[in-house]
C-alpha atoms as a PDB file:
ATOM      1  CA  MET A   1       0.000   0.000   0.000  1.00  0.00           C
ATOM      2  CA  ALA A   2       1.380   3.397  -1.020  1.00  0.00           C
ATOM      3  CA  HIS A   3       2.190   5.942   1.628  1.00  0.00           C
ATOM      4  CA  PRO A   4      -0.753   8.365   2.042  1.00  0.00           C
ATOM      5  CA  ASN A   5       1.565  11.366   1.718  1.00  0.00           C
ATOM      6  CA  LEU A   6       2.460  10.299  -1.831  1.00  0.00           C
ATOM      7  CA  ALA A   7      -0.840  11.718  -2.989  1.00  0.00           C
ATOM      8  CA  LYS A   8       0.002  15.169  -1.631  1.00  0.00           C
ATOM      9  CA  ARG A   9       1.201  16.800  -4.839  1.00  0.00           C
ATOM     10  CA  GLN A  10       0.065  19.742  -6.928  1.00  0.00           C
ATOM     11  CA  LYS A  11       1.281  21.022 -10.255  1.00  0.00           C
ATOM     12  CA  VAL A  12       2.086  24.725 -10.137  1.00  0.00           C
ATOM     13  CA  CYS A  13       2.961  25.355 -13.755  1.00  0.00           C
ATOM     14  CA  ASP A  14       4.272  23.785 -16.964  1.00  0.00           C
ATOM     15  CA  LEU A  15       7.529  24.896 -18.513  1.00  0.00           C
ATOM     16  CA  GLU A  16       9.090  24.087 -21.853  1.00  0.00           C
ATOM     17  CA  GLY A  17      10.958  20.904 -22.706  1.00  0.00           C
ATOM     18  CA  GLY A  18       9.037  18.591 -20.401  1.00  0.00           C
ATOM     19  CA  LEU A  19       9.817  20.605 -17.285  1.00  0.00           C
ATOM     20  CA  SER A  20       7.228  21.576 -14.693  1.00  0.00           C
ATOM     21  CA  ILE A  21       7.135  22.933 -11.148  1.00  0.00           C
ATOM     22  CA  TRP A  22       5.332  20.923  -8.496  1.00  0.00           C
ATOM     23  CA  ARG A  23       4.480  21.417  -4.843  1.00  0.00           C
ATOM     24  CA  VAL A  24       4.977  18.019  -3.218  1.00  0.00           C
ATOM     25  CA  HIS A  25       5.145  16.405   0.196  1.00  0.00           C
ATOM     26  CA  LEU A  26       8.675  15.462   1.233  1.00  0.00           C
ATOM     27  CA  ASP A  27       7.604  11.826   1.323  1.00  0.00           C
ATOM     28  CA  CYS A  28       7.061  12.049  -2.441  1.00  0.00           C
ATOM     29  CA  LEU A  29      10.805  12.521  -2.957  1.00  0.00           C
ATOM     30  CA  ARG A  30      13.216   9.613  -3.262  1.00  0.00           C
ATOM     31  CA  GLU A  31      16.957   9.998  -2.939  1.00  0.00           C
ATOM     32  CA  GLN A  32      19.438   8.277  -5.201  1.00  0.00           C
ATOM     33  CA  ASP A  33      21.009   5.127  -3.784  1.00  0.00           C
ATOM     34  CA  LYS A  34      24.397   6.691  -4.469  1.00  0.00           C
ATOM     35  CA  ASN A  35      25.254  10.355  -4.237  1.00  0.00           C
ATOM     36  CA  ALA A  36      28.831  11.552  -4.595  1.00  0.00           C
ATOM     37  CA  ARG A  37      28.103  15.065  -3.342  1.00  0.00           C
ATOM     38  CA  ILE A  38      28.891  15.585   0.343  1.00  0.00           C
ATOM     39  CA  MET A  39      28.397  18.554   2.642  1.00  0.00           C
ATOM     40  CA  ALA A  40      30.313  19.436   5.796  1.00  0.00           C
ATOM     41  CA  PRO A  41      28.151  19.043   8.946  1.00  0.00           C
ATOM     42  CA  GLU A  42      28.483  22.719   9.888  1.00  0.00           C
ATOM     43  CA  LYS A  43      27.325  23.816   6.421  1.00  0.00           C
ATOM     44  CA  PHE A  44      24.378  21.423   6.567  1.00  0.00           C
ATOM     45  CA  GLU A  45      23.367  22.843   9.956  1.00  0.00           C
ATOM     46  CA  ARG A  46      23.581  26.376   8.549  1.00  0.00           C
ATOM     47  CA  LEU A  47      21.435  25.341   5.549  1.00  0.00           C
ATOM     48  CA  ALA A  48      18.806  23.849   7.860  1.00  0.00           C
ATOM     49  CA  GLN A  49      18.809  26.989  10.020  1.00  0.00           C
ATOM     50  CA  ASN A  50      18.382  29.222   6.954  1.00  0.00           C
ATOM     51  CA  ILE A  51      15.428  27.151   5.741  1.00  0.00           C
ATOM     52  CA  LYS A  52      13.861  27.152   9.210  1.00  0.00           C
ATOM     53  CA  GLN A  53      14.301  30.907   9.515  1.00  0.00           C
ATOM     54  CA  SER A  54      12.755  31.692   6.108  1.00  0.00           C
ATOM     55  CA  GLY A  55      10.143  28.938   6.331  1.00  0.00           C
ATOM     56  CA  ARG A  56      10.737  27.850   2.754  1.00  0.00           C
ATOM     57  CA  LEU A  57      13.261  26.265   0.423  1.00  0.00           C
ATOM     58  CA  GLU A  58      14.561  28.998  -1.876  1.00  0.00           C
ATOM     59  CA  SER A  59      16.465  26.756  -4.298  1.00  0.00           C
ATOM     60  CA  LEU A  60      14.346  24.078  -5.963  1.00  0.00           C
ATOM     61  CA  PRO A  61      15.511  20.449  -6.035  1.00  0.00           C
ATOM     62  CA  PHE A  62      15.682  18.964  -9.535  1.00  0.00           C
ATOM     63  CA  THR A  63      13.746  15.711  -9.894  1.00  0.00           C
ATOM     64  CA  SER A  64      12.764  13.106 -12.448  1.00  0.00           C
ATOM     65  CA  ASN A  65       9.245  11.657 -12.603  1.00  0.00           C
ATOM     66  CA  PRO A  66       7.851  10.669 -16.004  1.00  0.00           C
ATOM     67  CA  ASN A  67       4.353  10.285 -14.549  1.00  0.00           C
ATOM     68  CA  PRO A  68       3.977  12.957 -11.851  1.00  0.00           C
ATOM     69  CA  GLU A  69       0.149  12.950 -12.003  1.00  0.00           C
ATOM     70  CA  SER A  70       0.093   9.387 -10.688  1.00  0.00           C
ATOM     71  CA  SER A  71      -0.554   9.536  -6.947  1.00  0.00           C
ATOM     72  CA  ASP A  72       1.733   6.591  -6.220  1.00  0.00           C
ATOM     73  CA  SER A  73       4.727   7.723  -8.309  1.00  0.00           C
ATOM     74  CA  GLU A  74       7.884   9.105  -6.698  1.00  0.00           C
ATOM     75  CA  PHE A  75       9.977  12.113  -7.652  1.00  0.00           C
ATOM     76  CA  MET A  76      13.558  10.864  -7.970  1.00  0.00           C
ATOM     77  CA  ILE A  77      16.019  13.509  -6.778  1.00  0.00           C
ATOM     78  CA  LEU A  78      18.728  14.331  -9.320  1.00  0.00           C
ATOM     79  CA  SER A  79      20.034  17.386  -7.526  1.00  0.00           C
ATOM     80  CA  GLY A  80      19.104  18.651  -4.065  1.00  0.00           C
ATOM     81  CA  HIS A  81      19.627  15.759  -1.668  1.00  0.00           C
ATOM     82  CA  HIS A  82      21.030  17.993   1.069  1.00  0.00           C
ATOM     83  CA  ARG A  83      18.368  20.665   0.511  1.00  0.00           C
ATOM     84  CA  THR A  84      15.685  18.013   0.911  1.00  0.00           C
ATOM     85  CA  ARG A  85      17.202  16.593   4.104  1.00  0.00           C
ATOM     86  CA  ALA A  86      17.718  20.093   5.521  1.00  0.00           C
ATOM     87  CA  SER A  87      14.091  20.970   4.746  1.00  0.00           C
ATOM     88  CA  ARG A  88      12.908  17.928   6.664  1.00  0.00           C
ATOM     89  CA  LYS A  89      15.174  18.844   9.595  1.00  0.00           C
ATOM     90  CA  ALA A  90      13.881  22.423   9.498  1.00  0.00           C
ATOM     91  CA  GLY A  91      10.340  21.121   9.965  1.00  0.00           C
ATOM     92  CA  LEU A  92       8.984  21.605   6.454  1.00  0.00           C
ATOM     93  CA  THR A  93       6.569  19.024   5.108  1.00  0.00           C
ATOM     94  CA  GLU A  94       6.156  20.287   1.533  1.00  0.00           C
ATOM     95  CA  VAL A  95       8.565  21.869  -0.944  1.00  0.00           C
ATOM     96  CA  TYR A  96       8.560  23.008  -4.556  1.00  0.00           C
ATOM     97  CA  VAL A  97      10.563  20.979  -7.069  1.00  0.00           C
ATOM     98  CA  LEU A  98      11.563  21.363 -10.685  1.00  0.00           C
ATOM     99  CA  ASN A  99      10.580  18.083 -12.339  1.00  0.00           C
ATOM    100  CA  ASP A 100      11.755  16.610 -15.620  1.00  0.00           C
ATOM    101  CA  GLN A 101       8.915  14.556 -17.064  1.00  0.00           C
ATOM    102  CA  THR A 102      11.055  13.195 -19.897  1.00  0.00           C
ATOM    103  CA  PRO A 103      11.579   9.416 -19.589  1.00  0.00           C
ATOM    104  CA  LEU A 104      15.217   8.856 -18.603  1.00  0.00           C
ATOM    105  CA  LYS A 105      17.397   5.781 -18.747  1.00  0.00           C
ATOM    106  CA  ARG A 106      19.616   4.957 -15.791  1.00  0.00           C
ATOM    107  CA  SER A 107      22.664   6.322 -17.614  1.00  0.00           C
ATOM    108  CA  ASP A 108      20.807   9.591 -18.292  1.00  0.00           C
ATOM    109  CA  VAL A 109      19.868   9.881 -14.619  1.00  0.00           C
ATOM    110  CA  VAL A 110      23.478   9.374 -13.494  1.00  0.00           C
ATOM    111  CA  ALA A 111      24.791  11.812 -16.120  1.00  0.00           C
ATOM    112  CA  LYS A 112      22.391  14.551 -14.995  1.00  0.00           C
ATOM    113  CA  GLN A 113      23.161  13.856 -11.345  1.00  0.00           C
ATOM    114  CA  LEU A 114      26.906  14.187 -11.896  1.00  0.00           C
ATOM    115  CA  ALA A 115      26.489  17.238 -14.123  1.00  0.00           C
ATOM    116  CA  HIS A 116      24.482  19.134 -11.507  1.00  0.00           C
ATOM    117  CA  ASN A 117      27.055  18.232  -8.862  1.00  0.00           C
ATOM    118  CA  SER A 118      30.178  19.066 -10.828  1.00  0.00           C
ATOM    119  CA  LEU A 119      29.363  21.833 -13.309  1.00  0.00           C
ATOM    120  CA  ASN A 120      29.669  24.699 -10.869  1.00  0.00           C
ATOM    121  CA  GLY A 121      31.502  27.962 -11.310  1.00  0.00           C
ATOM    122  CA  TYR A 122      33.795  29.570  -8.773  1.00  0.00           C
ATOM    123  CA  ASP A 123      33.764  32.892  -6.959  1.00  0.00           C
ATOM    124  CA  ASP A 124      35.878  35.906  -7.770  1.00  0.00           C
ATOM    125  CA  LYS A 125      37.378  36.465  -4.316  1.00  0.00           C
ATOM    126  CA  GLN A 126      37.562  40.251  -4.606  1.00  0.00           C
ATOM    127  CA  ILE A 127      33.977  40.659  -5.809  1.00  0.00           C
ATOM    128  CA  LEU A 128      32.837  38.134  -3.204  1.00  0.00           C
ATOM    129  CA  ALA A 129      34.523  40.204  -0.489  1.00  0.00           C
ATOM    130  CA  GLN A 130      32.888  43.401  -1.797  1.00  0.00           C
ATOM    131  CA  LEU A 131      29.443  41.798  -1.793  1.00  0.00           C
ATOM    132  CA  TYR A 132      30.011  40.373   1.682  1.00  0.00           C
ATOM    133  CA  GLN A 133      30.956  43.817   3.014  1.00  0.00           C
ATOM    134  CA  GLU A 134      27.688  45.230   1.657  1.00  0.00           C
ATOM    135  CA  ILE A 135      25.792  43.074   4.153  1.00  0.00           C
ATOM    136  CA  ASP A 136      25.257  45.360   7.158  1.00  0.00           C
ATOM    137  CA  ASP A 137      23.299  42.929   9.345  1.00  0.00           C
ATOM    138  CA  ILE A 138      25.151  40.283  11.354  1.00  0.00           C
ATOM    139  CA  ASN A 139      22.298  37.787  11.025  1.00  0.00           C
ATOM    140  CA  ALA A 140      22.288  38.227   7.262  1.00  0.00           C
ATOM    141  CA  LYS A 141      26.038  37.579   7.208  1.00  0.00           C
ATOM    142  CA  ILE A 142      25.491  34.364   9.137  1.00  0.00           C
ATOM    143  CA  GLU A 143      22.685  33.401   6.745  1.00  0.00           C
ATOM    144  CA  SER A 144      25.041  33.845   3.773  1.00  0.00           C
ATOM    145  CA  GLY A 145      26.995  30.839   5.020  1.00  0.00           C
ATOM    146  CA  LEU A 146      30.268  32.666   4.440  1.00  0.00           C
ATOM    147  CA  THR A 147      32.972  33.568   6.944  1.00  0.00           C
ATOM    148  CA  ASP A 148      35.925  35.918   6.820  1.00  0.00           C
ATOM    149  CA  LEU A 149      38.076  32.885   5.954  1.00  0.00           C
ATOM    150  CA  ASP A 150      35.881  32.080   2.944  1.00  0.00           C
ATOM    151  CA  ILE A 151      36.372  35.531   1.450  1.00  0.00           C
ATOM    152  CA  GLU A 152      40.057  35.913   2.212  1.00  0.00           C
ATOM    153  CA  ILE A 153      41.684  37.591  -0.768  1.00  0.00           C
ATOM    154  CA  PRO A 154      44.932  35.929  -1.882  1.00  0.00           C
ATOM    155  CA  LYS A 155      48.042  37.959  -1.192  1.00  0.00           C
ATOM    156  CA  ILE A 156      49.456  39.727  -4.211  1.00  0.00           C
ATOM    157  CA  ASP A 157      53.185  39.375  -4.775  1.00  0.00           C
ATOM    158  CA  VAL A 158      54.387  42.898  -5.462  1.00  0.00           C
ATOM    159  CA  LYS A 159      58.007  43.258  -6.479  1.00  0.00           C
ATOM    160  CA  ALA A 160      59.872  46.316  -5.245  1.00  0.00           C
ATOM    161  CA  ASP A 161      63.433  47.575  -5.193  1.00  0.00           C
ATOM    162  CA  PRO A 162      65.384  46.484  -2.138  1.00  0.00           C
ATOM    163  CA  VAL A 163      65.468  48.970   0.744  1.00  0.00           C
ATOM    164  CA  MET A 164      68.882  49.519   2.321  1.00  0.00           C
ATOM    165  CA  PHE A 165      69.324  50.710   5.910  1.00  0.00           C
ATOM    166  CA  ASP A 166      72.587  52.251   7.040  1.00  0.00           C
ATOM    167  CA  ILE A 167      72.593  51.395  10.738  1.00  0.00           C
ATOM    168  CA  ASP A 168      75.269  50.904  13.352  1.00  0.00           C
ATOM    169  CA  TYR A 169      75.119  47.381  14.705  1.00  0.00           C
ATOM    170  CA  GLU A 170      77.002  44.692  16.564  1.00  0.00           C
ATOM    171  CA  LEU A 171      76.692  41.085  15.412  1.00  0.00           C
ATOM    172  CA  VAL A 172      76.677  38.539  18.233  1.00  0.00           C
ATOM    173  CA  ASN A 173      76.729  34.798  17.562  1.00  0.00           C
ATOM    174  CA  ILE A 174      75.591  32.625  20.471  1.00  0.00           C
ATOM    175  CA  LEU A 175      75.989  28.850  20.441  1.00  0.00           C
ATOM    176  CA  PHE A 176      74.046  26.736  22.927  1.00  0.00           C
ATOM    177  CA  VAL A 177      74.317  23.146  24.000  1.00  0.00           C
ATOM    178  CA  GLU A 178      70.925  21.400  23.882  1.00  0.00           C
ATOM    179  CA  ARG A 179      70.071  21.897  27.580  1.00  0.00           C
ATOM    180  CA  ASP A 180      70.781  25.627  27.551  1.00  0.00           C
ATOM    181  CA  PHE A 181      69.007  26.068  24.217  1.00  0.00           C
ATOM    182  CA  GLN A 182      65.847  24.552  25.669  1.00  0.00           C
ATOM    183  CA  ARG A 183      66.188  26.973  28.590  1.00  0.00           C
ATOM    184  CA  PHE A 184      66.589  29.822  26.104  1.00  0.00           C
ATOM    185  CA  LYS A 185      63.366  28.835  24.314  1.00  0.00           C
ATOM    186  CA  GLU A 186      61.515  28.668  27.647  1.00  0.00           C
ATOM    187  CA  VAL A 187      62.585  32.231  28.414  1.00  0.00           C
ATOM    188  CA  LEU A 188      61.426  33.405  24.971  1.00  0.00           C
ATOM    189  CA  GLU A 189      58.022  31.800  25.500  1.00  0.00           C
ATOM    190  CA  LEU A 190      57.708  33.552  28.851  1.00  0.00           C
ATOM    191  CA  LEU A 191      58.626  36.901  27.336  1.00  0.00           C
ATOM    192  CA  SER A 192      55.961  37.117  24.620  1.00  0.00           C
ATOM    193  CA  SER A 193      54.728  35.677  21.357  1.00  0.00           C
ATOM    194  CA  ASP A 194      56.891  38.239  19.521  1.00  0.00           C
ATOM    195  CA  ALA A 195      60.060  37.278  21.349  1.00  0.00           C
ATOM    196  CA  HIS A 196      61.564  35.563  18.321  1.00  0.00           C
ATOM    197  CA  ILE A 197      62.631  38.919  16.916  1.00  0.00           C
ATOM    198  CA  TYR A 198      66.353  38.956  17.527  1.00  0.00           C
ATOM    199  CA  VAL A 199      67.068  42.538  16.418  1.00  0.00           C
ATOM    200  CA  ALA A 200      67.508  45.165  19.125  1.00  0.00           C
ATOM    201  CA  ASP A 201      68.901  48.652  19.602  1.00  0.00           C
ATOM    202  CA  LYS A 202      72.698  48.813  19.779  1.00  0.00           C
ATOM    203  CA  ALA A 203      72.394  50.526  23.170  1.00  0.00           C
ATOM    204  CA  ASP A 204      70.824  47.303  24.432  1.00  0.00           C
ATOM    205  CA  PHE A 205      73.998  45.465  23.423  1.00  0.00           C
ATOM    206  CA  ASP A 206      76.015  47.689  25.732  1.00  0.00           C
ATOM    207  CA  ARG A 207      73.592  46.863  28.566  1.00  0.00           C
ATOM    208  CA  PHE A 208      73.859  43.180  27.704  1.00  0.00           C
ATOM    209  CA  LYS A 209      77.652  43.417  27.787  1.00  0.00           C
ATOM    210  CA  ASP A 210      77.605  45.155  31.180  1.00  0.00           C
ATOM    211  CA  ALA A 211      75.260  42.505  32.582  1.00  0.00           C
ATOM    212  CA  ALA A 212      77.511  39.740  31.260  1.00  0.00           C
ATOM    213  CA  GLN A 213      80.552  41.320  32.892  1.00  0.00           C
ATOM    214  CA  LYS A 214      78.721  41.583  36.221  1.00  0.00           C
ATOM    215  CA  ILE A 215      77.668  37.936  36.019  1.00  0.00           C
ATOM    216  CA  SER A 216      81.255  36.957  35.233  1.00  0.00           C
ATOM    217  CA  SER A 217      82.611  38.882  38.210  1.00  0.00           C
ATOM    218  CA  LEU A 218      79.895  37.921  40.677  1.00  0.00           C
ATOM    219  CA  HIS A 219      79.842  34.192  39.865  1.00  0.00           C
ATOM    220  CA  GLN A 220      83.507  33.835  38.950  1.00  0.00           C
ATOM    221  CA  VAL A 221      82.839  32.473  35.463  1.00  0.00           C
ATOM    222  CA  VAL A 222      84.654  33.506  32.301  1.00  0.00           C
ATOM    223  CA  ASN A 223      83.148  31.092  29.787  1.00  0.00           C
ATOM    224  CA  ALA A 224      80.649  32.958  27.574  1.00  0.00           C
ATOM    225  CA  ALA A 225      78.258  30.005  27.441  1.00  0.00           C
ATOM    226  CA  ALA A 226      78.228  29.721  31.246  1.00  0.00           C
ATOM    227  CA  ILE A 227      77.597  33.461  31.562  1.00  0.00           C
ATOM    228  CA  MET A 228      74.699  33.218  29.112  1.00  0.00           C
ATOM    229  CA  ALA A 229      73.244  30.225  30.947  1.00  0.00           C
ATOM    230  CA  ARG A 230      73.372  32.160  34.230  1.00  0.00           C
ATOM    231  CA  LEU A 231      71.684  35.151  32.601  1.00  0.00           C
ATOM    232  CA  LEU A 232      68.921  32.855  31.359  1.00  0.00           C
ATOM    233  CA  ASP A 233      68.456  31.463  34.869  1.00  0.00           C
ATOM    234  CA  ILE A 234      68.074  34.977  36.278  1.00  0.00           C
ATOM    235  CA  VAL A 235      65.622  36.088  33.588  1.00  0.00           C
ATOM    236  CA  HIS A 236      63.640  32.862  33.900  1.00  0.00           C
ATOM    237  CA  PHE A 237      63.442  33.244  37.688  1.00  0.00           C
ATOM    238  CA  TYR A 238      62.301  36.854  37.347  1.00  0.00           C
ATOM    239  CA  LEU A 239      59.610  36.038  34.769  1.00  0.00           C
ATOM    240  CA  VAL A 240      58.279  33.142  36.804  1.00  0.00           C
ATOM    241  CA  LYS A 241      58.078  35.333  39.896  1.00  0.00           C
ATOM    242  CA  ARG A 242      56.402  38.056  37.882  1.00  0.00           C
ATOM    243  CA  GLY A 243      53.842  35.518  36.754  1.00  0.00           C
ATOM    244  CA  GLU A 244      53.243  34.524  40.362  1.00  0.00           C
ATOM    245  CA  ALA A 245      52.836  38.171  41.260  1.00  0.00           C
ATOM    246  CA  GLU A 246      50.273  38.663  38.509  1.00  0.00           C
ATOM    247  CA  ALA A 247      48.451  35.635  39.891  1.00  0.00           C
ATOM    248  CA  GLY A 248      48.016  37.359  43.240  1.00  0.00           C
ATOM    249  CA  GLU A 249      51.334  37.443  45.159  1.00  0.00           C
ATOM    250  CA  SER A 250      53.247  40.710  45.071  1.00  0.00           C
ATOM    251  CA  TRP A 251      57.063  40.667  44.597  1.00  0.00           C
ATOM    252  CA  VAL A 252      59.538  43.529  44.929  1.00  0.00           C
ATOM    253  CA  PRO A 253      63.011  43.658  43.318  1.00  0.00           C
ATOM    254  CA  LEU A 254      65.808  43.738  45.933  1.00  0.00           C
ATOM    255  CA  ALA A 255      67.393  46.628  44.057  1.00  0.00           C
ATOM    256  CA  THR A 256      64.593  48.873  45.313  1.00  0.00           C
ATOM    257  CA  ILE A 257      65.643  48.079  48.909  1.00  0.00           C
ATOM    258  CA  PHE A 258      69.440  48.165  48.577  1.00  0.00           C
ATOM    259  CA  ASP A 259      69.709  50.879  45.908  1.00  0.00           C
ATOM    260  CA  GLY A 260      71.641  48.434  43.774  1.00  0.00           C
ATOM    261  CA  ASP A 261      71.792  44.844  42.607  1.00  0.00           C
ATOM    262  CA  SER A 262      75.282  43.898  43.820  1.00  0.00           C
ATOM    263  CA  VAL A 263      77.452  43.842  46.963  1.00  0.00           C
ATOM    264  CA  PRO A 264      81.208  43.683  47.516  1.00  0.00           C
ATOM    265  CA  GLU A 265      82.754  40.321  46.702  1.00  0.00           C
ATOM    266  CA  ALA A 266      83.813  39.611  50.288  1.00  0.00           C
ATOM    267  CA  ALA A 267      80.323  40.360  51.601  1.00  0.00           C
ATOM    268  CA  ALA A 268      78.802  38.206  48.885  1.00  0.00           C
ATOM    269  CA  LYS A 269      80.925  35.234  50.010  1.00  0.00           C
ATOM    270  CA  VAL A 270      79.756  35.605  53.616  1.00  0.00           C
ATOM    271  CA  ILE A 271      76.112  35.907  52.555  1.00  0.00           C
ATOM    272  CA  GLN A 272      76.460  32.940  50.197  1.00  0.00           C
ATOM    273  CA  GLU A 273      77.947  30.767  52.943  1.00  0.00           C
ATOM    274  CA  ALA A 274      75.217  31.747  55.408  1.00  0.00           C
ATOM    275  CA  VAL A 275      72.384  31.070  52.938  1.00  0.00           C
ATOM    276  CA  ASP A 276      73.903  27.700  51.972  1.00  0.00           C
ATOM    277  CA  LYS A 277      74.071  26.729  55.655  1.00  0.00           C
ATOM    278  CA  MET A 278      70.459  27.794  56.261  1.00  0.00           C
ATOM    279  CA  GLN A 279      69.383  25.650  53.325  1.00  0.00           C
ATOM    280  CA  ALA A 280      71.441  22.701  54.538  1.00  0.00           C
ATOM    281  CA  ASP A 281      69.869  23.038  58.002  1.00  0.00           C
ATOM    282  CA  GLY A 282      66.404  23.062  56.445  1.00  0.00           C
ATOM    283  CA  ASN A 283      65.531  26.607  57.447  1.00  0.00           C
ATOM    284  CA  VAL A 284      65.017  27.631  53.798  1.00  0.00           C
ATOM    285  CA  GLY A 285      64.463  25.642  50.645  1.00  0.00           C
ATOM    286  CA  GLU A 286      66.022  25.791  47.215  1.00  0.00           C
ATOM    287  CA  LYS A 287      63.165  27.924  45.905  1.00  0.00           C
ATOM    288  CA  ASN A 288      62.907  30.293  48.874  1.00  0.00           C
ATOM    289  CA  ARG A 289      66.545  31.102  49.670  1.00  0.00           C
ATOM    290  CA  TRP A 290      65.505  34.742  49.603  1.00  0.00           C
ATOM    291  CA  GLN A 291      63.615  34.150  52.867  1.00  0.00           C
ATOM    292  CA  SER A 292      66.937  34.066  54.723  1.00  0.00           C
ATOM    293  CA  LEU A 293      66.952  37.869  54.420  1.00  0.00           C
ATOM    294  CA  GLU A 294      63.507  37.987  56.037  1.00  0.00           C
ATOM    295  CA  PHE A 295      64.714  35.789  58.917  1.00  0.00           C
ATOM    296  CA  TRP A 296      67.825  37.911  59.484  1.00  0.00           C
ATOM    297  CA  ALA A 297      65.798  41.123  59.397  1.00  0.00           C
ATOM    298  CA  GLY A 298      63.245  39.645  61.808  1.00  0.00           C
ATOM    299  CA  ASP A 299      65.986  38.574  64.258  1.00  0.00           C
ATOM    300  CA  TYR A 300      67.572  42.029  64.103  1.00  0.00           C
ATOM    301  CA  LEU A 301      64.287  43.828  64.708  1.00  0.00           C
ATOM    302  CA  SER A 302      63.425  41.555  67.628  1.00  0.00           C
ATOM    303  CA  GLY A 303      66.819  42.238  69.251  1.00  0.00           C
ATOM    304  CA  ARG A 304      68.157  38.708  68.904  1.00  0.00           C
END
């Protein structure tokens, strides 16, 4: 027994060449057993939303039915499988179709199906972008199914004469062993996403050189790689602490307390020995050696 909805069909008008437009129930439509055309899930969802919003299917499926007046005949879909499915998902029960009443052999059906799927033009990206910009309503832009990525205009390769800069510079080559190079990359990641720009003002080189000399003197190292590794440790420690401060704990550079970032070598040796002993005794840990200063200051203020 035929499905009762098969009888729900109405001819709207006749066209030339055996074509006619019909208003039919969705149950009158039959999909092809094989359909090579696919649609991304997000595009299908957008199509269904557009149909639901407008309440109609604005692009007619193309069908084949040599005997459309027969109430038990089906309209075989040649083009419009996704539109039909999206209409059903959008809640429609009836749609308009463009039907070919000419009797078709199986090979003719497949040929028309492939032709409608493959014989499509392509968009001029610049004109597409201009048309897209003319849409002044965000909902209408969403309805278009396009995104900024879809209308991205290809970059144009423009040739120009080379530009020469006469600048004063110092070239510094730094070689890292694997461990220190990984440390270097960690510091760059902590600095910023733009930290891979290795060009700086020459005045910064002089500051870098001064810092390297201080590290060499303070830590008694003369090897350039060891100096660089120590500089990385200091910068890494500072950036980590700054991150902790931004997370809620406030930190203050010692230079703001002592009006400088260094002490005489003899004093440094005494302080180093005392801090090492406090760590060995378990009074401070490896990551809070700075707290020895707090303990000393507390003892002094309490009179001990």
